[in-house]
Amino acid sequence: MKLATFTCDGETRLGVVIGGEIADLAAVAPDLPRDLAALLAAGPDALERARRAAARAPRIDLEEVKLEAPIARPPEFLAIGLNYADHIAESGMERPKFPLFFNKQSSCVAGPYDPIHLPRVSAALDYEGELGFVIGRRCRHVPRDRAHEVIAGYLIVNDVSVRDWQFKAQTMTLGKSFDTHGPIGPWLVTPDEIGDPHALALTTRVNGEIRQHSNTKNLVFDCYAMVETLSTVFTLMPGTVISTGTPGGVAFAMKPPRYLKAGDVVKIEIEKIGAIENKVIAEPAATALI
């Protein structure tokens, strides 16, 4: 299934994408949760009910709805640095012996086609096309060979980075967590449609120009290893988003750097999932709340 959160006629709810349409689950199963994290937390029976409901639900053309972030406020939004060899090389860093995890504040989450803000405090705005996955059940101490059991599905992440804030802070969190700097989507694709998550082509384009092109087979620490390590430390909750790192081709490593500017359009496409596309705009004055 391709599980999506969408808004139509002023109401946000869950649907299943089928071809160029979305099956409106609320129309035939109003008792199902309308929040994807809550649906996952309700367990496999709820997902099976959603699957059955999609077969008889009325469908709406995707052009008539607004696709939202599949999970608007994940319990955690975790990511990893230096997880492709070519990105390690272009960064001038050593290959990590242990995964380099950090968190993005969940308030950075944006929809798959929402604008990205160019911060008023920085011009060092960068893209990072990444495969993300979502935890489907509460879990702890998950061995690698069972990690696939706790993954609800896969989506695309743009780990947008404000490089000067990332490099001057003691951790990467500040430079990774500006509002709008976590576009995800366009939907959550369940594992049965993905097959091997470590064999997916990934391409990032800026204004149509290919900047990144790789495959998830090149991950240093794969999805299952990441689940094993993280769940050793803390309980993973349904709806947690985990991003798997970016390949080479980011803007800061170019000579000179080719940072994003207002008007640029970033499109990230991953095989078997789809694409997200976000336009960069100047941070609106309305973001100042005082």
C-alpha atoms as a PDB file:
ATOM      1  CA  MET A   1       0.000   0.000   0.000  1.00  0.00           C
ATOM      2  CA  LYS A   2       0.881   3.626  -0.455  1.00  0.00           C
ATOM      3  CA  LEU A   3      -0.544   5.302   2.658  1.00  0.00           C
ATOM      4  CA  ALA A   4      -0.974   9.053   2.348  1.00  0.00           C
ATOM      5  CA  THR A   5      -2.183  11.960   4.422  1.00  0.00           C
ATOM      6  CA  PHE A   6      -4.167  14.399   2.325  1.00  0.00           C
ATOM      7  CA  THR A   7      -6.349  17.478   2.590  1.00  0.00           C
ATOM      8  CA  CYS A   8      -9.489  17.909   0.526  1.00  0.00           C
ATOM      9  CA  ASP A   9     -12.358  20.360   1.061  1.00  0.00           C
ATOM     10  CA  GLY A  10     -10.656  21.711   4.170  1.00  0.00           C
ATOM     11  CA  GLU A  11     -10.415  18.310   5.894  1.00  0.00           C
ATOM     12  CA  THR A  12      -7.244  16.277   6.455  1.00  0.00           C
ATOM     13  CA  ARG A  13      -7.497  12.494   6.490  1.00  0.00           C
ATOM     14  CA  LEU A  14      -5.847   9.241   5.411  1.00  0.00           C
ATOM     15  CA  GLY A  15      -5.996   7.560   2.047  1.00  0.00           C
ATOM     16  CA  VAL A  16      -4.419   4.850  -0.064  1.00  0.00           C
ATOM     17  CA  VAL A  17      -2.879   5.914  -3.362  1.00  0.00           C
ATOM     18  CA  ILE A  18      -3.901   3.715  -6.272  1.00  0.00           C
ATOM     19  CA  GLY A  19      -2.549   4.848  -9.618  1.00  0.00           C
ATOM     20  CA  GLY A  20      -3.381   8.526 -10.067  1.00  0.00           C
ATOM     21  CA  GLU A  21      -6.121   8.483  -7.441  1.00  0.00           C
ATOM     22  CA  ILE A  22      -6.459   8.318  -3.682  1.00  0.00           C
ATOM     23  CA  ALA A  23      -8.953   6.057  -1.944  1.00  0.00           C
ATOM     24  CA  ASP A  24     -10.635   8.032   0.850  1.00  0.00           C
ATOM     25  CA  LEU A  25     -10.567   5.706   3.873  1.00  0.00           C
ATOM     26  CA  ALA A  26     -12.734   7.924   6.076  1.00  0.00           C
ATOM     27  CA  ALA A  27     -15.618   7.608   3.640  1.00  0.00           C
ATOM     28  CA  VAL A  28     -16.032   3.866   4.267  1.00  0.00           C
ATOM     29  CA  ALA A  29     -14.190   3.313   7.569  1.00  0.00           C
ATOM     30  CA  PRO A  30     -14.844   6.409   9.710  1.00  0.00           C
ATOM     31  CA  ASP A  31     -13.724   4.598  12.856  1.00  0.00           C
ATOM     32  CA  LEU A  32     -10.171   4.180  11.556  1.00  0.00           C
ATOM     33  CA  PRO A  33      -7.623   6.716  12.858  1.00  0.00           C
ATOM     34  CA  ARG A  34      -7.153   9.730  10.597  1.00  0.00           C
ATOM     35  CA  ASP A  35      -3.530  10.128  11.662  1.00  0.00           C
ATOM     36  CA  LEU A  36      -0.969   7.740  10.209  1.00  0.00           C
ATOM     37  CA  ALA A  37       1.076   7.376  13.405  1.00  0.00           C
ATOM     38  CA  ALA A  38      -2.129   6.473  15.266  1.00  0.00           C
ATOM     39  CA  LEU A  39      -3.058   3.970  12.552  1.00  0.00           C
ATOM     40  CA  LEU A  40       0.335   2.289  12.894  1.00  0.00           C
ATOM     41  CA  ALA A  41       0.028   2.254  16.687  1.00  0.00           C
ATOM     42  CA  ALA A  42      -3.348   0.514  16.348  1.00  0.00           C
ATOM     43  CA  GLY A  43      -1.515  -2.512  15.025  1.00  0.00           C
ATOM     44  CA  PRO A  44      -1.605  -4.891  12.060  1.00  0.00           C
ATOM     45  CA  ASP A  45      -5.367  -5.435  12.292  1.00  0.00           C
ATOM     46  CA  ALA A  46      -5.956  -1.717  11.698  1.00  0.00           C
ATOM     47  CA  LEU A  47      -3.630  -1.770   8.682  1.00  0.00           C
ATOM     48  CA  GLU A  48      -5.457  -4.758   7.253  1.00  0.00           C
ATOM     49  CA  ARG A  49      -8.773  -2.965   7.751  1.00  0.00           C
ATOM     50  CA  ALA A  50      -7.324   0.014   5.882  1.00  0.00           C
ATOM     51  CA  ARG A  51      -6.241  -2.278   3.051  1.00  0.00           C
ATOM     52  CA  ARG A  52      -9.709  -3.782   2.768  1.00  0.00           C
ATOM     53  CA  ALA A  53     -11.393  -0.385   3.019  1.00  0.00           C
ATOM     54  CA  ALA A  54      -9.273   0.980   0.175  1.00  0.00           C
ATOM     55  CA  ALA A  55     -10.730  -1.597  -2.193  1.00  0.00           C
ATOM     56  CA  ARG A  56     -14.258  -0.184  -1.773  1.00  0.00           C
ATOM     57  CA  ALA A  57     -13.558   3.447  -0.888  1.00  0.00           C
ATOM     58  CA  PRO A  58     -14.479   6.282  -3.264  1.00  0.00           C
ATOM     59  CA  ARG A  59     -11.453   7.643  -5.105  1.00  0.00           C
ATOM     60  CA  ILE A  60     -10.368  11.211  -5.675  1.00  0.00           C
ATOM     61  CA  ASP A  61      -7.971  12.349  -8.396  1.00  0.00           C
ATOM     62  CA  LEU A  62      -4.599  13.186  -6.856  1.00  0.00           C
ATOM     63  CA  GLU A  63      -4.684  16.517  -8.688  1.00  0.00           C
ATOM     64  CA  GLU A  64      -7.694  17.506  -6.567  1.00  0.00           C
ATOM     65  CA  VAL A  65      -6.064  16.995  -3.163  1.00  0.00           C
ATOM     66  CA  LYS A  66      -3.084  18.403  -1.272  1.00  0.00           C
ATOM     67  CA  LEU A  67      -0.682  15.728  -0.142  1.00  0.00           C
ATOM     68  CA  GLU A  68       0.594  16.458   3.352  1.00  0.00           C
ATOM     69  CA  ALA A  69       3.566  15.019   5.211  1.00  0.00           C
ATOM     70  CA  PRO A  70       2.547  11.392   5.830  1.00  0.00           C
ATOM     71  CA  ILE A  71       3.298  11.911   9.537  1.00  0.00           C
ATOM     72  CA  ALA A  72       3.021  15.553  10.558  1.00  0.00           C
ATOM     73  CA  ARG A  73       4.697  15.283  13.966  1.00  0.00           C
ATOM     74  CA  PRO A  74       6.635  12.045  14.357  1.00  0.00           C
ATOM     75  CA  PRO A  75       7.547  11.007  17.924  1.00  0.00           C
ATOM     76  CA  GLU A  76      11.172  11.259  16.833  1.00  0.00           C
ATOM     77  CA  PHE A  77      12.849  12.299  13.608  1.00  0.00           C
ATOM     78  CA  LEU A  78      16.256  10.627  13.559  1.00  0.00           C
ATOM     79  CA  ALA A  79      18.971  10.761  10.930  1.00  0.00           C
ATOM     80  CA  ILE A  80      22.510   9.569  10.299  1.00  0.00           C
ATOM     81  CA  GLY A  81      25.585  11.312   8.951  1.00  0.00           C
ATOM     82  CA  LEU A  82      28.333  10.070   6.641  1.00  0.00           C
ATOM     83  CA  ASN A  83      26.527   6.941   5.498  1.00  0.00           C
ATOM     84  CA  TYR A  84      27.608   6.784   1.822  1.00  0.00           C
ATOM     85  CA  ALA A  85      31.266   6.350   0.862  1.00  0.00           C
ATOM     86  CA  ASP A  86      31.194   9.081  -1.802  1.00  0.00           C
ATOM     87  CA  HIS A  87      29.669  11.580   0.643  1.00  0.00           C
ATOM     88  CA  ILE A  88      32.321  10.676   3.220  1.00  0.00           C
ATOM     89  CA  ALA A  89      35.017  11.329   0.604  1.00  0.00           C
ATOM     90  CA  GLU A  90      33.614  14.671  -0.529  1.00  0.00           C
ATOM     91  CA  SER A  91      33.275  15.757   3.126  1.00  0.00           C
ATOM     92  CA  GLY A  92      36.942  14.988   3.793  1.00  0.00           C
ATOM     93  CA  MET A  93      36.024  12.819   6.772  1.00  0.00           C
ATOM     94  CA  GLU A  94      36.981   9.323   7.873  1.00  0.00           C
ATOM     95  CA  ARG A  95      34.567   6.438   7.429  1.00  0.00           C
ATOM     96  CA  PRO A  96      32.691   6.051  10.727  1.00  0.00           C
ATOM     97  CA  LYS A  97      33.295   2.883  12.691  1.00  0.00           C
ATOM     98  CA  PHE A  98      30.003   3.454  14.512  1.00  0.00           C
ATOM     99  CA  PRO A  99      26.860   5.121  13.127  1.00  0.00           C
ATOM    100  CA  LEU A 100      26.775   8.902  13.520  1.00  0.00           C
ATOM    101  CA  PHE A 101      23.199   9.558  14.604  1.00  0.00           C
ATOM    102  CA  PHE A 102      21.560  12.923  15.240  1.00  0.00           C
ATOM    103  CA  ASN A 103      18.022  14.182  15.536  1.00  0.00           C
ATOM    104  CA  LYS A 104      15.996  16.669  13.574  1.00  0.00           C
ATOM    105  CA  GLN A 105      13.338  18.419  15.609  1.00  0.00           C
ATOM    106  CA  SER A 106       9.939  17.126  14.526  1.00  0.00           C
ATOM    107  CA  SER A 107       8.760  20.722  14.007  1.00  0.00           C
ATOM    108  CA  CYS A 108      10.913  20.811  10.859  1.00  0.00           C
ATOM    109  CA  VAL A 109       8.617  18.358   9.056  1.00  0.00           C
ATOM    110  CA  ALA A 110       7.083  19.661   5.838  1.00  0.00           C
ATOM    111  CA  GLY A 111       4.911  18.161   3.136  1.00  0.00           C
ATOM    112  CA  PRO A 112       6.231  16.584  -0.055  1.00  0.00           C
ATOM    113  CA  TYR A 113       5.463  19.680  -2.150  1.00  0.00           C
ATOM    114  CA  ASP A 114       5.637  22.412   0.488  1.00  0.00           C
ATOM    115  CA  PRO A 115       8.125  25.288   0.190  1.00  0.00           C
ATOM    116  CA  ILE A 116      11.508  25.226   1.914  1.00  0.00           C
ATOM    117  CA  HIS A 117      12.462  28.454   3.664  1.00  0.00           C
ATOM    118  CA  LEU A 118      15.800  30.101   2.948  1.00  0.00           C
ATOM    119  CA  PRO A 119      16.571  31.263   6.506  1.00  0.00           C
ATOM    120  CA  ARG A 120      16.969  34.964   7.126  1.00  0.00           C
ATOM    121  CA  VAL A 121      20.090  34.113   9.192  1.00  0.00           C
ATOM    122  CA  SER A 122      21.973  32.085   6.571  1.00  0.00           C
ATOM    123  CA  ALA A 123      22.629  31.627   2.865  1.00  0.00           C
ATOM    124  CA  ALA A 124      24.320  28.221   3.338  1.00  0.00           C
ATOM    125  CA  LEU A 125      21.218  26.180   2.505  1.00  0.00           C
ATOM    126  CA  ASP A 126      21.829  22.638   1.266  1.00  0.00           C
ATOM    127  CA  TYR A 127      19.813  19.616   0.121  1.00  0.00           C
ATOM    128  CA  GLU A 128      20.284  15.967   1.059  1.00  0.00           C
ATOM    129  CA  GLY A 129      18.215  13.372  -0.787  1.00  0.00           C
ATOM    130  CA  GLU A 130      17.645  10.345   1.436  1.00  0.00           C
ATOM    131  CA  LEU A 131      15.647   7.168   1.881  1.00  0.00           C
ATOM    132  CA  GLY A 132      13.634   7.253   5.081  1.00  0.00           C
ATOM    133  CA  PHE A 133      11.727   4.550   6.909  1.00  0.00           C
ATOM    134  CA  VAL A 134       9.024   4.628   9.568  1.00  0.00           C
ATOM    135  CA  ILE A 135       8.758   2.467  12.664  1.00  0.00           C
ATOM    136  CA  GLY A 136       5.486   0.565  12.797  1.00  0.00           C
ATOM    137  CA  ARG A 137       5.385  -0.779  16.342  1.00  0.00           C
ATOM    138  CA  ARG A 138       6.765  -0.068  19.791  1.00  0.00           C
ATOM    139  CA  CYS A 139      10.037  -1.954  20.046  1.00  0.00           C
ATOM    140  CA  ARG A 140      13.288  -2.270  21.983  1.00  0.00           C
ATOM    141  CA  HIS A 141      16.415  -4.440  21.598  1.00  0.00           C
ATOM    142  CA  VAL A 142      15.572  -5.474  18.054  1.00  0.00           C
ATOM    143  CA  PRO A 143      18.193  -7.811  16.551  1.00  0.00           C
ATOM    144  CA  ARG A 144      19.247  -7.028  13.014  1.00  0.00           C
ATOM    145  CA  ASP A 145      17.659 -10.165  11.574  1.00  0.00           C
ATOM    146  CA  ARG A 146      14.252  -9.094  12.921  1.00  0.00           C
ATOM    147  CA  ALA A 147      14.491  -5.378  12.170  1.00  0.00           C
ATOM    148  CA  HIS A 148      12.315  -5.736   9.059  1.00  0.00           C
ATOM    149  CA  GLU A 149       9.438  -6.750  11.335  1.00  0.00           C
ATOM    150  CA  VAL A 150       9.232  -3.305  12.957  1.00  0.00           C
ATOM    151  CA  ILE A 151       9.459  -1.187   9.789  1.00  0.00           C
ATOM    152  CA  ALA A 152       6.026  -0.031   8.601  1.00  0.00           C
ATOM    153  CA  GLY A 153       7.249   1.381   5.318  1.00  0.00           C
ATOM    154  CA  TYR A 154       9.507   3.707   3.390  1.00  0.00           C
ATOM    155  CA  LEU A 155       9.380   7.304   2.175  1.00  0.00           C
ATOM    156  CA  ILE A 156      11.593  10.055   0.792  1.00  0.00           C
ATOM    157  CA  VAL A 157      13.335  12.603   3.010  1.00  0.00           C
ATOM    158  CA  ASN A 158      15.108  15.830   2.155  1.00  0.00           C
ATOM    159  CA  ASP A 159      17.451  16.325   5.104  1.00  0.00           C
ATOM    160  CA  VAL A 160      17.704  20.057   4.423  1.00  0.00           C
ATOM    161  CA  SER A 161      20.792  21.475   6.125  1.00  0.00           C
ATOM    162  CA  VAL A 162      21.905  24.970   7.088  1.00  0.00           C
ATOM    163  CA  ARG A 163      25.623  24.314   6.869  1.00  0.00           C
ATOM    164  CA  ASP A 164      27.060  27.221   8.836  1.00  0.00           C
ATOM    165  CA  TRP A 165      24.720  26.494  11.751  1.00  0.00           C
ATOM    166  CA  GLN A 166      25.468  22.780  11.456  1.00  0.00           C
ATOM    167  CA  PHE A 167      29.238  23.263  11.592  1.00  0.00           C
ATOM    168  CA  LYS A 168      29.404  25.926  14.299  1.00  0.00           C
ATOM    169  CA  ALA A 169      27.192  24.092  16.799  1.00  0.00           C
ATOM    170  CA  GLN A 170      28.439  21.323  19.103  1.00  0.00           C
ATOM    171  CA  THR A 171      25.907  18.936  17.542  1.00  0.00           C
ATOM    172  CA  MET A 172      24.226  18.929  14.147  1.00  0.00           C
ATOM    173  CA  THR A 173      20.719  19.409  15.513  1.00  0.00           C
ATOM    174  CA  LEU A 174      20.515  23.188  15.080  1.00  0.00           C
ATOM    175  CA  GLY A 175      21.667  23.122  11.485  1.00  0.00           C
ATOM    176  CA  LYS A 176      19.250  20.319  10.669  1.00  0.00           C
ATOM    177  CA  SER A 177      16.090  21.530  12.381  1.00  0.00           C
ATOM    178  CA  PHE A 178      15.025  24.870  10.911  1.00  0.00           C
ATOM    179  CA  ASP A 179      11.297  25.042  10.243  1.00  0.00           C
ATOM    180  CA  THR A 180      10.334  23.495   6.849  1.00  0.00           C
ATOM    181  CA  HIS A 181      13.703  21.700   6.612  1.00  0.00           C
ATOM    182  CA  GLY A 182      12.300  18.184   6.786  1.00  0.00           C
ATOM    183  CA  PRO A 183      10.132  17.518   3.722  1.00  0.00           C
ATOM    184  CA  ILE A 184       8.940  13.903   3.716  1.00  0.00           C
ATOM    185  CA  GLY A 185       6.660  11.819   1.535  1.00  0.00           C
ATOM    186  CA  PRO A 186       4.993  11.718  -0.837  1.00  0.00           C
ATOM    187  CA  TRP A 187       3.430   8.754   0.977  1.00  0.00           C
ATOM    188  CA  LEU A 188       4.466   5.754   3.050  1.00  0.00           C
ATOM    189  CA  VAL A 189       5.079   2.657   0.912  1.00  0.00           C
ATOM    190  CA  THR A 190       4.660  -0.619   2.769  1.00  0.00           C
ATOM    191  CA  PRO A 191       7.515  -3.146   2.648  1.00  0.00           C
ATOM    192  CA  ASP A 192       5.641  -5.610   0.433  1.00  0.00           C
ATOM    193  CA  GLU A 193       5.788  -3.068  -2.411  1.00  0.00           C
ATOM    194  CA  ILE A 194       9.449  -2.191  -1.823  1.00  0.00           C
ATOM    195  CA  GLY A 195      11.084  -5.581  -1.621  1.00  0.00           C
ATOM    196  CA  ASP A 196      14.760  -5.068  -0.801  1.00  0.00           C
ATOM    197  CA  PRO A 197      15.156  -1.523   0.602  1.00  0.00           C
ATOM    198  CA  HIS A 198      18.873  -1.757  -0.072  1.00  0.00           C
ATOM    199  CA  ALA A 199      18.555  -1.842  -3.859  1.00  0.00           C
ATOM    200  CA  LEU A 200      16.775   1.424  -4.676  1.00  0.00           C
ATOM    201  CA  ALA A 201      18.025   4.071  -7.099  1.00  0.00           C
ATOM    202  CA  LEU A 202      18.047   7.620  -5.674  1.00  0.00           C
ATOM    203  CA  THR A 203      18.319  10.838  -7.688  1.00  0.00           C
ATOM    204  CA  THR A 204      18.302  14.466  -6.551  1.00  0.00           C
ATOM    205  CA  ARG A 205      17.781  17.284  -9.048  1.00  0.00           C
ATOM    206  CA  VAL A 206      18.057  21.032  -8.545  1.00  0.00           C
ATOM    207  CA  ASN A 207      16.228  22.976 -11.255  1.00  0.00           C
ATOM    208  CA  GLY A 208      16.314  19.802 -13.367  1.00  0.00           C
ATOM    209  CA  GLU A 209      20.087  19.300 -13.000  1.00  0.00           C
ATOM    210  CA  ILE A 210      21.138  15.989 -11.488  1.00  0.00           C
ATOM    211  CA  ARG A 211      23.157  16.670  -8.340  1.00  0.00           C
ATOM    212  CA  GLN A 212      22.990  13.260  -6.641  1.00  0.00           C
ATOM    213  CA  HIS A 213      22.626   9.816  -8.188  1.00  0.00           C
ATOM    214  CA  SER A 214      23.251   6.653  -6.205  1.00  0.00           C
ATOM    215  CA  ASN A 215      21.654   3.506  -4.862  1.00  0.00           C
ATOM    216  CA  THR A 216      20.775   2.419  -1.348  1.00  0.00           C
ATOM    217  CA  LYS A 217      23.009  -0.617  -1.841  1.00  0.00           C
ATOM    218  CA  ASN A 218      25.838   1.832  -1.080  1.00  0.00           C
ATOM    219  CA  LEU A 219      24.731   2.539   2.496  1.00  0.00           C
ATOM    220  CA  VAL A 220      27.512   2.048   5.054  1.00  0.00           C
ATOM    221  CA  PHE A 221      25.036   1.136   7.801  1.00  0.00           C
ATOM    222  CA  ASP A 222      21.825  -0.227   6.319  1.00  0.00           C
ATOM    223  CA  CYS A 223      18.266   0.206   7.588  1.00  0.00           C
ATOM    224  CA  TYR A 224      18.303  -2.953   9.690  1.00  0.00           C
ATOM    225  CA  ALA A 225      21.626  -2.122  11.344  1.00  0.00           C
ATOM    226  CA  MET A 226      20.257   1.308  12.201  1.00  0.00           C
ATOM    227  CA  VAL A 227      17.186  -0.197  13.896  1.00  0.00           C
ATOM    228  CA  GLU A 228      19.371  -2.585  15.882  1.00  0.00           C
ATOM    229  CA  THR A 229      21.642   0.182  17.159  1.00  0.00           C
ATOM    230  CA  LEU A 230      18.948   2.720  17.973  1.00  0.00           C
ATOM    231  CA  SER A 231      16.644   0.227  19.694  1.00  0.00           C
ATOM    232  CA  THR A 232      19.506  -0.916  21.906  1.00  0.00           C
ATOM    233  CA  VAL A 233      19.493   2.535  23.472  1.00  0.00           C
ATOM    234  CA  PHE A 234      15.834   3.562  23.595  1.00  0.00           C
ATOM    235  CA  THR A 235      12.338   2.416  22.762  1.00  0.00           C
ATOM    236  CA  LEU A 236      11.285   3.189  19.206  1.00  0.00           C
ATOM    237  CA  MET A 237       7.673   4.290  18.853  1.00  0.00           C
ATOM    238  CA  PRO A 238       5.187   3.899  15.992  1.00  0.00           C
ATOM    239  CA  GLY A 239       5.509   6.803  13.592  1.00  0.00           C
ATOM    240  CA  THR A 240       9.182   7.493  14.285  1.00  0.00           C
ATOM    241  CA  VAL A 241      10.910   8.628  11.082  1.00  0.00           C
ATOM    242  CA  ILE A 242      14.498   7.498  10.503  1.00  0.00           C
ATOM    243  CA  SER A 243      16.488   8.910   7.588  1.00  0.00           C
ATOM    244  CA  THR A 244      19.351   6.852   6.206  1.00  0.00           C
ATOM    245  CA  GLY A 245      21.880   9.440   5.040  1.00  0.00           C
ATOM    246  CA  THR A 246      22.749  11.122   1.772  1.00  0.00           C
ATOM    247  CA  PRO A 247      25.064  10.197  -1.095  1.00  0.00           C
ATOM    248  CA  GLY A 248      27.687  12.460  -2.634  1.00  0.00           C
ATOM    249  CA  GLY A 249      26.803  15.565  -4.591  1.00  0.00           C
ATOM    250  CA  VAL A 250      25.720  17.987  -1.887  1.00  0.00           C
ATOM    251  CA  ALA A 251      26.135  21.707  -2.454  1.00  0.00           C
ATOM    252  CA  PHE A 252      28.685  22.504   0.265  1.00  0.00           C
ATOM    253  CA  ALA A 253      31.228  20.040  -1.188  1.00  0.00           C
ATOM    254  CA  MET A 254      31.239  21.704  -4.612  1.00  0.00           C
ATOM    255  CA  LYS A 255      34.000  24.133  -5.508  1.00  0.00           C
ATOM    256  CA  PRO A 256      32.723  26.734  -5.089  1.00  0.00           C
ATOM    257  CA  PRO A 257      29.694  25.628  -3.041  1.00  0.00           C
ATOM    258  CA  ARG A 258      26.407  25.835  -4.934  1.00  0.00           C
ATOM    259  CA  TYR A 259      23.996  26.524  -2.137  1.00  0.00           C
ATOM    260  CA  LEU A 260      20.268  26.748  -2.709  1.00  0.00           C
ATOM    261  CA  LYS A 261      18.737  30.159  -3.333  1.00  0.00           C
ATOM    262  CA  ALA A 262      15.198  31.482  -3.484  1.00  0.00           C
ATOM    263  CA  GLY A 263      13.448  30.172  -6.587  1.00  0.00           C
ATOM    264  CA  ASP A 264      15.377  26.893  -6.775  1.00  0.00           C
ATOM    265  CA  VAL A 265      13.359  23.675  -7.006  1.00  0.00           C
ATOM    266  CA  VAL A 266      14.668  20.473  -5.423  1.00  0.00           C
ATOM    267  CA  LYS A 267      13.249  17.166  -6.638  1.00  0.00           C
ATOM    268  CA  ILE A 268      14.213  13.872  -5.015  1.00  0.00           C
ATOM    269  CA  GLU A 269      13.148  10.609  -6.597  1.00  0.00           C
ATOM    270  CA  ILE A 270      13.553   7.102  -5.208  1.00  0.00           C
ATOM    271  CA  GLU A 271      12.762   3.932  -7.102  1.00  0.00           C
ATOM    272  CA  LYS A 272       9.483   2.217  -6.087  1.00  0.00           C
ATOM    273  CA  ILE A 273       8.456   5.182  -3.925  1.00  0.00           C
ATOM    274  CA  GLY A 274       8.011   8.236  -6.147  1.00  0.00           C
ATOM    275  CA  ALA A 275       9.248  11.794  -5.789  1.00  0.00           C
ATOM    276  CA  ILE A 276       8.998  14.875  -3.617  1.00  0.00           C
ATOM    277  CA  GLU A 277       9.553  18.358  -5.003  1.00  0.00           C
ATOM    278  CA  ASN A 278      10.038  21.531  -2.987  1.00  0.00           C
ATOM    279  CA  LYS A 279      10.620  25.128  -4.030  1.00  0.00           C
ATOM    280  CA  VAL A 280      12.953  27.351  -2.020  1.00  0.00           C
ATOM    281  CA  ILE A 281      11.456  30.653  -0.916  1.00  0.00           C
ATOM    282  CA  ALA A 282      12.759  33.470   1.268  1.00  0.00           C
ATOM    283  CA  GLU A 283      11.708  32.922   4.856  1.00  0.00           C
ATOM    284  CA  PRO A 284       8.428  34.841   5.203  1.00  0.00           C
ATOM    285  CA  ALA A 285       8.249  37.778   7.586  1.00  0.00           C
ATOM    286  CA  ALA A 286       5.233  36.092   9.196  1.00  0.00           C
ATOM    287  CA  THR A 287       7.495  33.479  10.816  1.00  0.00           C
ATOM    288  CA  ALA A 288       8.432  36.080  13.450  1.00  0.00           C
ATOM    289  CA  LEU A 289       5.960  35.500  16.262  1.00  0.00           C
ATOM    290  CA  ILE A 290       7.003  38.337  18.557  1.00  0.00           C
END
